[in-house]
Amino acid sequence: MFSSSSWRYAHVVNVSADCYDHDKAIINEQVMVTYPHQCLQQSFLRCCLFISLVSMFAYASLASAQQRGLSPRYEDSNSDLVADVPDRQDDWRDPRILVFAYTPVEDPALYARVWDDFIQHLSDATGKEIRFFPVQSNAAQLEAMRAGRLHIAGFNTGSTPVAVNCSGFVPFAMMAGRSGEYGYEMELITHPDSSIRTPEDLRGQKLAFTSPTSNSGYKAPVSILEGEFNLKADIDYESTYSGSHDNSILGVVNGDYPAAAVANEVLRRMEGRGVVAPEQYRMVYRSQTFPTTAYGIAHDLEPGLAENIRRAFFDYNWEGTALAEEFADAGMSQFIPVTYQEHWSLIRDIDRINNTIYYCD
């Protein structure tokens, strides 16, 4: 058993000063995402997710803001579970420069190049300058959109509900294959020489997660391990956090972690780039299929601008682009329309099973 004190934090993601150096105009506040160990030890993963501004809030002052749905700072008059465009035209935003961020990855500079052609396409479609912001954590990306400094984004599967409810994110697109197929699976992987052959063998071992907001990198595996194998986080196995799927995969390959929970679409892309090879790891479990990264906008963009952004995603010609090359191993070749209400229902179910709570305000 892995013991812990009553309110010792299982994981804290801080937007550090190093992150500010990328663009102080975009991120200038700290955000913290935490899971208390006490919650992780309760039946059926009574997990609590706290999203708070470190400089402004303490846990005690957040109790009244507890919720599972949309923050009261947003309206949802049509019950589609995402924030409405503000009624007052004065509340619409039409920035001269639009900021785009992709979900955190190990090498943000690489993905800046991957998205270059798409960003130019987006600039042509909107008549705006588009800047790629290489976020270093989910917390930084969430707070940037919440604070109005991020306008277009790709949020990973598990962060999408937090982004929708706490940051006013409105998803509308997802990558898909030529026939519209989409999704990925969570895999538990280990080193080929490891004694871990099944999930039950994780008992007494260390398991690497990515971050508490990740679906395949935390929420889904924790739920599955307890629900299917009676393995409770930080009681039957020890949790550690790598910060990204790339780091977890490399950690297993290099022997730093006995096992890790990762998104297999990231594995495929890393194999495609020659970063890792299939013989360097072994899969011990594969989950059902989940939706992948959600692409969308801040809820309060001027409606005409918002429509131009949407159209740019669906009009984009992938052929011969760095984006097509990067995501070819995952079978992606287009953007398809999605809604949070329909396509994220499974992820919301996982959050409900985990009793996930958002502290947004």
Protein backbone atom coordinates (compact mmCIF):
# COMPACT_ATOMS: atom_id res chain seq x y z
CA MET A 1 0.00 0.00 0.00
CA PHE A 2 1.17 3.52 -0.77
CA SER A 3 0.16 5.73 2.12
CA SER A 4 -0.35 9.47 2.05
CA SER A 5 -1.40 12.22 4.39
CA SER A 6 -4.95 13.52 4.26
CA TRP A 7 -4.47 16.51 1.96
CA ARG A 8 -1.09 15.94 0.37
CA TYR A 9 -1.45 16.80 -3.32
CA ALA A 10 -1.14 13.89 -5.72
CA HIS A 11 -0.07 16.17 -8.54
CA VAL A 12 0.42 19.86 -9.08
CA VAL A 13 0.83 21.43 -12.51
CA ASN A 14 2.23 24.93 -12.27
CA VAL A 15 2.67 27.48 -15.01
CA SER A 16 6.19 28.43 -14.12
CA ALA A 17 8.14 31.56 -14.93
CA ASP A 18 9.87 29.60 -17.70
CA CYS A 19 6.52 29.24 -19.41
CA TYR A 20 5.94 32.98 -19.29
CA ASP A 21 9.09 33.62 -21.26
CA HIS A 22 7.50 32.22 -24.42
CA ASP A 23 4.99 35.07 -24.59
CA LYS A 24 4.28 37.17 -21.51
CA ALA A 25 1.36 38.79 -23.32
CA ILE A 26 -0.41 35.45 -23.43
CA ILE A 27 0.27 33.84 -20.05
CA ASN A 28 0.77 35.98 -16.98
CA GLU A 29 -1.09 34.10 -14.25
CA GLN A 30 -0.49 30.79 -12.55
CA VAL A 31 -2.93 27.96 -12.54
CA MET A 32 -2.89 24.79 -10.48
CA VAL A 33 -4.48 21.43 -11.21
CA THR A 34 -4.53 19.09 -8.24
CA TYR A 35 -5.97 15.79 -7.11
CA PRO A 36 -5.99 15.23 -3.33
CA HIS A 37 -4.71 11.79 -2.32
CA GLN A 38 -7.58 11.43 0.11
CA CYS A 39 -10.02 11.44 -2.80
CA LEU A 40 -7.97 8.91 -4.75
CA GLN A 41 -8.24 6.45 -1.87
CA GLN A 42 -12.04 6.46 -1.75
CA SER A 43 -14.30 3.90 -3.42
CA PHE A 44 -14.69 4.19 -7.20
CA LEU A 45 -12.18 7.00 -7.50
CA ARG A 46 -13.82 9.90 -5.76
CA CYS A 47 -11.45 12.24 -7.50
CA CYS A 48 -11.55 16.00 -7.11
CA LEU A 49 -10.16 18.28 -9.78
CA PHE A 50 -9.26 21.77 -8.64
CA ILE A 51 -8.56 24.49 -11.17
CA SER A 52 -7.67 27.69 -9.41
CA LEU A 53 -5.58 30.79 -9.76
CA VAL A 54 -2.75 30.25 -7.31
CA SER A 55 -2.21 33.91 -6.62
CA MET A 56 -5.90 34.60 -5.93
CA PHE A 57 -7.57 31.55 -4.42
CA ALA A 58 -7.05 29.01 -1.66
CA TYR A 59 -8.90 25.72 -1.47
CA ALA A 60 -11.26 26.87 1.28
CA SER A 61 -12.50 29.83 -0.72
CA LEU A 62 -13.29 27.58 -3.70
CA ALA A 63 -15.78 25.29 -1.99
CA SER A 64 -18.75 27.39 -3.06
CA ALA A 65 -17.69 27.21 -6.73
CA GLN A 66 -17.88 23.41 -6.90
CA GLN A 67 -19.62 22.15 -10.05
CA ARG A 68 -19.77 19.46 -12.70
CA GLY A 69 -21.13 21.61 -15.53
CA LEU A 70 -20.61 24.95 -17.17
CA SER A 71 -19.17 27.75 -15.04
CA PRO A 72 -21.79 30.35 -14.05
CA ARG A 73 -19.74 32.94 -15.91
CA TYR A 74 -21.14 31.42 -19.17
CA GLU A 75 -24.67 30.98 -20.55
CA ASP A 76 -26.05 27.88 -22.29
CA SER A 77 -29.53 28.84 -23.49
CA ASN A 78 -29.79 26.02 -26.06
CA SER A 79 -28.60 23.26 -23.67
CA ASP A 80 -25.80 22.06 -25.96
CA LEU A 81 -23.41 22.01 -22.95
CA VAL A 82 -21.06 24.70 -24.31
CA ALA A 83 -20.94 28.44 -23.71
CA ASP A 84 -23.16 30.64 -25.89
CA VAL A 85 -21.88 33.57 -27.89
CA PRO A 86 -22.54 36.62 -25.66
CA ASP A 87 -25.84 38.43 -26.37
CA ARG A 88 -24.25 41.86 -26.25
CA GLN A 89 -22.22 42.81 -29.30
CA ASP A 90 -19.93 44.84 -27.04
CA ASP A 91 -18.84 41.54 -25.45
CA TRP A 92 -17.70 40.02 -28.76
CA ARG A 93 -13.96 39.92 -29.43
CA ASP A 94 -12.30 40.54 -32.79
CA PRO A 95 -8.55 40.61 -32.03
CA ARG A 96 -6.03 41.87 -34.52
CA ILE A 97 -3.77 38.88 -33.71
CA LEU A 98 -5.21 35.41 -33.13
CA VAL A 99 -3.32 32.92 -30.95
CA PHE A 100 -3.44 29.18 -31.71
CA ALA A 101 -2.17 26.45 -29.37
CA TYR A 102 -1.92 22.70 -29.83
CA THR A 103 -2.07 20.38 -26.83
CA PRO A 104 1.25 20.17 -24.89
CA VAL A 105 3.89 17.90 -26.43
CA GLU A 106 7.49 17.02 -25.66
CA ASP A 107 8.89 19.11 -28.55
CA PRO A 108 6.74 22.23 -29.10
CA ALA A 109 9.19 23.57 -31.70
CA LEU A 110 8.59 20.50 -33.86
CA TYR A 111 4.83 21.03 -33.76
CA ALA A 112 5.20 24.72 -34.56
CA ARG A 113 6.69 23.57 -37.88
CA VAL A 114 4.02 20.90 -38.33
CA TRP A 115 1.27 23.52 -38.04
CA ASP A 116 2.97 26.21 -40.15
CA ASP A 117 1.05 25.57 -43.37
CA PHE A 118 -2.29 25.30 -41.59
CA ILE A 119 -1.62 28.54 -39.70
CA GLN A 120 -0.95 30.32 -43.01
CA HIS A 121 -4.21 28.88 -44.37
CA LEU A 122 -6.01 30.13 -41.26
CA SER A 123 -4.45 33.56 -41.67
CA ASP A 124 -5.59 33.75 -45.29
CA ALA A 125 -9.12 32.67 -44.31
CA THR A 126 -9.49 35.21 -41.50
CA GLY A 127 -7.34 38.09 -42.73
CA LYS A 128 -5.59 38.00 -39.35
CA GLU A 129 -2.07 37.38 -38.14
CA ILE A 130 -1.98 33.98 -36.41
CA ARG A 131 0.61 33.16 -33.77
CA PHE A 132 1.40 29.62 -32.66
CA PHE A 133 1.80 29.45 -28.89
CA PRO A 134 3.81 26.39 -27.72
CA VAL A 135 2.13 25.67 -24.39
CA GLN A 136 4.11 23.64 -21.88
CA SER A 137 1.25 22.28 -19.79
CA ASN A 138 -2.48 21.64 -19.87
CA ALA A 139 -2.88 24.14 -17.05
CA ALA A 140 -1.21 26.89 -19.06
CA GLN A 141 -3.42 26.20 -22.08
CA LEU A 142 -6.61 26.17 -19.97
CA GLU A 143 -5.78 29.41 -18.20
CA ALA A 144 -4.75 31.14 -21.43
CA MET A 145 -8.18 30.52 -22.94
CA ARG A 146 -9.98 31.33 -19.70
CA ALA A 147 -8.15 34.66 -19.50
CA GLY A 148 -8.92 35.55 -23.14
CA ARG A 149 -5.34 35.24 -24.40
CA LEU A 150 -5.90 32.10 -26.46
CA HIS A 151 -8.44 32.12 -29.28
CA ILE A 152 -8.08 28.85 -31.22
CA ALA A 153 -6.89 25.60 -29.70
CA GLY A 154 -6.58 21.85 -29.81
CA PHE A 155 -7.30 20.45 -26.33
CA ASN A 156 -6.51 16.84 -25.57
CA THR A 157 -9.38 14.45 -24.90
CA GLY A 158 -9.34 14.62 -21.13
CA SER A 159 -8.79 18.38 -20.94
CA THR A 160 -11.70 19.15 -23.25
CA PRO A 161 -14.42 18.97 -20.54
CA VAL A 162 -12.36 21.26 -18.31
CA ALA A 163 -11.76 23.67 -21.21
CA VAL A 164 -15.47 23.71 -22.07
CA ASN A 165 -16.72 24.17 -18.53
CA CYS A 166 -14.05 26.45 -17.10
CA SER A 167 -12.52 28.28 -20.08
CA GLY A 168 -15.43 28.82 -22.48
CA PHE A 169 -13.95 26.55 -25.14
CA VAL A 170 -16.30 25.57 -27.99
CA PRO A 171 -15.11 22.43 -29.86
CA PHE A 172 -16.22 21.94 -33.45
CA ALA A 173 -13.63 19.76 -35.19
CA MET A 174 -11.55 16.62 -34.78
CA MET A 175 -8.99 14.87 -36.97
CA ALA A 176 -10.22 11.80 -38.84
CA GLY A 177 -9.23 9.33 -41.52
CA ARG A 178 -10.22 9.42 -45.16
CA SER A 179 -13.55 7.68 -44.49
CA GLY A 180 -14.32 9.70 -41.37
CA GLU A 181 -12.96 7.17 -38.88
CA TYR A 182 -11.49 8.71 -35.75
CA GLY A 183 -10.32 7.96 -32.24
CA TYR A 184 -7.54 6.26 -30.33
CA GLU A 185 -7.11 3.80 -27.48
CA MET A 186 -5.41 3.98 -24.14
CA GLU A 187 -2.63 1.43 -23.83
CA LEU A 188 -0.70 0.26 -20.80
CA ILE A 189 2.85 -0.38 -21.97
CA THR A 190 5.97 -1.76 -20.35
CA HIS A 191 9.54 -2.62 -21.33
CA PRO A 192 9.91 -5.86 -23.34
CA ASP A 193 12.00 -7.45 -20.56
CA SER A 194 9.57 -6.47 -17.81
CA SER A 195 7.86 -9.03 -15.56
CA ILE A 196 4.59 -7.12 -16.06
CA ARG A 197 2.42 -9.27 -18.34
CA THR A 198 -1.10 -8.22 -17.35
CA PRO A 199 -2.62 -5.21 -15.56
CA GLU A 200 -2.78 -7.30 -12.35
CA ASP A 201 1.03 -7.38 -12.39
CA LEU A 202 1.06 -3.62 -11.72
CA ARG A 203 0.32 -4.32 -8.05
CA GLY A 204 3.22 -2.94 -6.02
CA GLN A 205 4.73 -1.28 -9.12
CA LYS A 206 5.09 2.31 -10.27
CA LEU A 207 2.81 3.47 -13.12
CA ALA A 208 3.56 6.63 -15.10
CA PHE A 209 0.66 8.94 -15.95
CA THR A 210 0.91 12.12 -18.01
CA SER A 211 -1.21 14.66 -16.07
CA PRO A 212 -4.48 14.57 -14.08
CA THR A 213 -6.44 16.27 -16.87
CA SER A 214 -5.50 13.65 -19.49
CA ASN A 215 -8.07 11.02 -20.44
CA SER A 216 -5.78 8.22 -21.65
CA GLY A 217 -2.87 9.49 -19.56
CA TYR A 218 -4.76 9.43 -16.26
CA LYS A 219 -8.55 9.38 -15.93
CA ALA A 220 -9.37 6.35 -18.08
CA PRO A 221 -6.57 4.07 -16.81
CA VAL A 222 -7.27 4.92 -13.17
CA SER A 223 -10.97 4.10 -13.70
CA ILE A 224 -10.24 0.91 -15.63
CA LEU A 225 -7.63 -0.38 -13.19
CA GLU A 226 -9.99 0.04 -10.25
CA GLY A 227 -13.20 -1.01 -12.01
CA GLU A 228 -11.84 -4.04 -13.90
CA PHE A 229 -8.82 -5.14 -11.87
CA ASN A 230 -9.49 -3.84 -8.34
CA LEU A 231 -6.27 -1.83 -8.38
CA LYS A 232 -6.54 1.51 -6.60
CA ALA A 233 -4.19 4.37 -7.41
CA ASP A 234 -1.56 5.04 -4.73
CA ILE A 235 -2.83 2.12 -2.68
CA ASP A 236 -2.14 -0.89 -4.90
CA TYR A 237 0.34 0.83 -7.20
CA GLU A 238 2.36 4.03 -7.08
CA SER A 239 1.51 6.94 -9.37
CA THR A 240 4.08 9.17 -10.99
CA TYR A 241 3.65 11.91 -13.61
CA SER A 242 5.74 12.50 -16.72
CA GLY A 243 4.03 15.61 -18.12
CA SER A 244 3.29 14.22 -21.59
CA HIS A 245 2.63 11.02 -23.53
CA ASP A 246 5.97 11.43 -25.29
CA ASN A 247 7.78 11.51 -21.94
CA SER A 248 5.89 8.48 -20.64
CA ILE A 249 6.70 6.45 -23.76
CA LEU A 250 10.38 7.41 -23.70
CA GLY A 251 10.47 6.72 -19.96
CA VAL A 252 9.31 3.13 -20.53
CA VAL A 253 11.66 2.61 -23.48
CA ASN A 254 14.62 3.93 -21.48
CA GLY A 255 13.73 2.00 -18.33
CA ASP A 256 12.82 5.03 -16.23
CA TYR A 257 9.26 3.78 -15.64
CA PRO A 258 8.18 0.14 -15.19
CA ALA A 259 4.93 0.92 -17.04
CA ALA A 260 2.94 3.82 -18.43
CA ALA A 261 -0.57 4.68 -19.58
CA VAL A 262 -0.47 6.38 -22.98
CA ALA A 263 -2.51 7.25 -26.06
CA ASN A 264 -1.63 4.83 -28.84
CA GLU A 265 -2.01 7.56 -31.49
CA VAL A 266 1.05 9.23 -29.93
CA LEU A 267 2.89 5.91 -30.06
CA ARG A 268 2.10 5.57 -33.77
CA ARG A 269 3.35 9.10 -34.52
CA MET A 270 6.58 8.56 -32.57
CA GLU A 271 7.14 5.29 -34.42
CA GLY A 272 6.51 7.10 -37.71
CA ARG A 273 9.20 9.65 -36.88
CA GLY A 274 11.63 6.92 -35.84
CA VAL A 275 11.77 8.12 -32.24
CA VAL A 276 10.78 4.70 -30.91
CA ALA A 277 10.37 1.25 -32.45
CA PRO A 278 7.64 -1.33 -31.72
CA GLU A 279 10.19 -3.79 -30.34
CA GLN A 280 11.21 -1.30 -27.63
CA TYR A 281 7.99 -1.68 -25.64
CA ARG A 282 5.23 -4.21 -25.01
CA MET A 283 1.50 -3.60 -24.63
CA VAL A 284 -0.29 -5.21 -21.69
CA TYR A 285 -3.74 -3.64 -22.10
CA ARG A 286 -5.76 -1.73 -24.72
CA SER A 287 -8.97 0.16 -23.96
CA GLN A 288 -12.05 0.92 -26.00
CA THR A 289 -11.84 3.78 -28.52
CA PHE A 290 -11.98 7.40 -27.37
CA PRO A 291 -12.36 10.68 -29.30
CA THR A 292 -9.08 12.43 -29.98
CA THR A 293 -7.99 16.09 -29.68
CA ALA A 294 -10.83 18.61 -29.93
CA TYR A 295 -10.26 21.72 -32.04
CA GLY A 296 -12.29 24.81 -31.41
CA ILE A 297 -12.48 28.45 -30.41
CA ALA A 298 -13.16 30.79 -27.54
CA HIS A 299 -16.92 31.25 -27.13
CA ASP A 300 -16.88 35.05 -27.37
CA LEU A 301 -15.22 35.60 -30.76
CA GLU A 302 -17.15 37.81 -33.18
CA PRO A 303 -19.59 35.45 -35.01
CA GLY A 304 -18.30 36.23 -38.51
CA LEU A 305 -14.72 35.62 -37.42
CA ALA A 306 -15.76 32.42 -35.64
CA GLU A 307 -17.45 31.15 -38.81
CA ASN A 308 -14.35 31.92 -40.93
CA ILE A 309 -12.22 29.93 -38.49
CA ARG A 310 -14.59 26.96 -38.61
CA ARG A 311 -14.70 27.02 -42.40
CA ALA A 312 -10.88 27.17 -42.56
CA PHE A 313 -10.58 23.87 -40.68
CA PHE A 314 -12.95 22.05 -43.02
CA ASP A 315 -11.59 23.66 -46.22
CA TYR A 316 -7.97 22.83 -45.45
CA ASN A 317 -6.20 20.69 -48.05
CA TRP A 318 -3.95 18.27 -46.19
CA GLU A 319 -2.21 16.82 -49.24
CA GLY A 320 1.58 17.24 -49.15
CA THR A 321 1.62 19.19 -45.88
CA ALA A 322 3.72 18.69 -42.75
CA LEU A 323 0.46 18.14 -40.88
CA ALA A 324 -0.45 15.22 -43.16
CA GLU A 325 3.02 13.74 -42.77
CA GLU A 326 3.00 14.01 -38.98
CA PHE A 327 -0.43 12.43 -38.52
CA ALA A 328 -0.21 9.87 -41.34
CA ASP A 329 0.82 7.07 -38.98
CA ALA A 330 -2.32 7.74 -36.93
CA GLY A 331 -4.34 7.56 -40.17
CA MET A 332 -5.50 11.18 -40.03
CA SER A 333 -6.13 13.13 -43.23
CA GLN A 334 -8.94 15.62 -42.60
CA PHE A 335 -10.94 17.58 -40.02
CA ILE A 336 -14.52 16.47 -39.42
CA PRO A 337 -17.34 18.33 -37.59
CA VAL A 338 -18.02 17.27 -34.00
CA THR A 339 -20.06 18.48 -31.04
CA TYR A 340 -19.10 18.32 -27.40
CA GLN A 341 -22.56 17.06 -26.49
CA GLU A 342 -22.37 14.00 -28.75
CA HIS A 343 -18.72 13.09 -29.20
CA TRP A 344 -17.56 13.68 -25.61
CA SER A 345 -20.41 11.81 -23.90
CA LEU A 346 -18.13 8.85 -23.07
CA ILE A 347 -15.51 11.15 -21.57
CA ARG A 348 -18.17 12.90 -19.48
CA ASP A 349 -19.28 9.45 -18.28
CA ILE A 350 -15.72 8.73 -17.14
CA ASP A 351 -15.65 12.05 -15.27
CA ARG A 352 -18.96 11.18 -13.60
CA ILE A 353 -17.66 7.74 -12.56
CA ASN A 354 -14.59 9.45 -11.12
CA ASN A 355 -16.82 12.05 -9.45
CA THR A 356 -14.62 14.71 -11.04
CA ILE A 357 -15.33 18.23 -9.78
CA TYR A 358 -14.20 21.45 -11.44
CA TYR A 359 -13.33 24.54 -9.42
CA CYS A 360 -13.47 27.21 -12.09
CA ASP A 361 -14.17 30.54 -10.43
